[in-house]
Protein backbone atom coordinates (compact mmCIF):
# COMPACT_ATOMS: atom_id res chain seq x y z
CA MET A 1 73.31 107.84 102.88
CA LYS A 2 72.49 104.41 101.55
CA LYS A 3 70.43 102.05 103.70
CA ILE A 4 70.11 98.35 102.83
CA GLU A 5 67.58 95.97 104.34
CA VAL A 6 69.47 92.70 104.21
CA SER A 7 66.30 90.64 104.69
CA ARG A 8 64.98 92.01 101.38
CA LEU A 9 68.08 91.18 99.32
CA SER A 10 67.86 88.27 96.89
CA PRO A 11 70.11 85.35 97.81
CA ILE A 12 72.97 84.31 95.57
CA PRO A 13 72.41 80.67 94.59
CA LYS A 14 74.55 78.35 96.75
CA SER A 15 72.37 75.59 98.18
CA ASN A 16 69.15 75.43 100.14
CA LYS A 17 71.22 75.00 103.33
CA ILE A 18 73.62 77.91 102.74
CA VAL A 19 72.28 81.38 101.93
CA ALA A 20 74.57 84.18 100.75
CA LYS A 21 73.54 87.78 100.22
CA ARG A 22 75.84 90.49 98.86
CA VAL A 23 75.33 93.50 101.14
CA TYR A 24 78.21 95.67 99.89
CA ASP A 25 79.94 95.67 96.51
CA ALA A 26 82.61 98.30 95.83
CA PRO A 27 86.20 98.17 94.54
CA GLN A 28 87.66 98.48 98.03
CA ALA A 29 85.66 95.61 99.56
CA GLU A 30 82.86 93.08 99.18
CA ILE A 31 80.67 92.12 102.15
CA MET A 32 78.53 89.00 102.09
CA HIS A 33 75.99 87.97 104.71
CA LEU A 34 76.25 84.20 104.95
CA THR A 35 73.83 81.92 106.80
CA ILE A 36 74.83 78.27 107.19
CA GLU A 37 72.20 75.85 108.47
CA VAL A 38 72.89 73.32 111.25
CA GLY A 39 75.46 70.68 110.25
CA GLU A 40 76.30 72.33 106.92
CA THR A 41 79.78 73.24 105.65
CA VAL A 42 81.29 75.74 103.25
CA LYS A 43 83.95 73.52 101.70
CA LYS A 44 87.62 74.45 101.88
CA HIS A 45 88.54 76.93 99.16
CA THR A 46 91.04 79.71 98.49
CA THR A 47 90.32 83.40 98.01
CA PRO A 48 92.85 85.66 96.21
CA VAL A 49 92.30 88.53 98.70
CA ASP A 50 92.28 88.95 102.48
CA VAL A 51 89.05 87.84 104.17
CA VAL A 52 87.61 88.82 107.55
CA PHE A 53 84.85 86.75 109.16
CA TYR A 54 82.65 88.48 111.76
CA ILE A 55 80.29 86.09 113.54
CA LEU A 56 76.80 87.51 114.07
CA ARG A 57 74.97 84.47 115.46
CA GLY A 58 75.40 80.78 116.18
CA LYS A 59 78.40 78.54 116.71
CA GLY A 60 80.78 77.16 114.15
CA THR A 61 84.31 76.32 113.21
CA ILE A 62 86.56 78.24 110.89
CA GLU A 63 89.49 76.39 109.40
CA ILE A 64 92.31 78.45 107.89
CA GLY A 65 95.28 76.53 106.52
CA ASN A 66 96.05 73.88 109.17
CA GLU A 67 94.41 75.81 112.03
CA GLU A 68 90.82 75.45 113.23
CA GLU A 69 88.96 77.55 115.80
CA THR A 70 85.51 77.33 117.32
CA VAL A 71 83.76 80.69 117.00
CA THR A 72 80.58 82.28 118.34
CA ALA A 73 78.79 85.63 118.10
CA ASP A 74 81.01 88.71 118.30
CA ASN A 75 84.20 86.85 117.26
CA LEU A 76 86.27 88.15 114.37
CA VAL A 77 88.73 85.98 112.43
CA GLU A 78 91.23 87.13 109.80
CA SER A 79 92.14 84.90 106.84
CA PRO A 80 95.09 85.94 104.66
CA ALA A 81 94.84 85.84 100.87
CA ASN A 82 95.58 82.53 99.14
CA ILE A 83 95.27 80.40 102.29
CA PRO A 84 92.53 77.71 102.08
CA HIS A 85 89.64 78.21 104.48
CA ALA A 86 86.38 76.46 105.38
CA LEU A 87 83.39 77.12 107.66
CA LYS A 88 81.07 74.69 109.45
CA ASN A 89 77.97 75.13 111.60
CA ILE A 90 78.46 73.01 114.74
CA GLY A 91 75.70 74.67 116.75
CA GLU A 92 71.98 74.13 117.14
CA GLU A 93 70.84 77.24 115.26
CA PRO A 94 71.78 78.94 111.98
CA PHE A 95 75.40 80.17 111.84
CA SER A 96 75.33 83.76 110.56
CA ILE A 97 78.51 85.51 109.42
CA LEU A 98 79.62 88.69 107.68
CA VAL A 99 82.33 87.77 105.17
CA ILE A 100 84.41 90.81 104.24
CA LYS A 101 86.80 90.52 101.27
CA ILE A 102 89.45 93.22 100.96
CA PRO A 103 89.79 94.37 98.21
CA ASN A 104 86.79 93.12 96.26
CA PRO A 105 88.09 90.14 94.23
CA ASN A 106 85.50 90.80 91.51
CA LYS A 107 86.62 94.39 90.92
CA ARG A 108 90.40 94.07 90.93
CA GLY A 109 92.30 95.66 88.06
């Protein structure tokens, strides 16, 4: 068994308003814990693999292609590979998300 205390992981440099921590890194998937401060945005970008967003805390919007949804804790959103997506915190507290990439884009053959 492997236990990880996410609070002790070092953040991956993004900005002082967006904190990303890699909590799982294997060929089959990568899981990031992302915290976006109030009013901040992860700009629209494309990922070459499928992505699943699981909202842990807060309120935000997720834009995938031409669609946009407001999401809150316990929502799950699927984003297909190669479709641009963006995230924004529209709430009054940090927006905390698990970002699951399947398979891991950094370990593809």
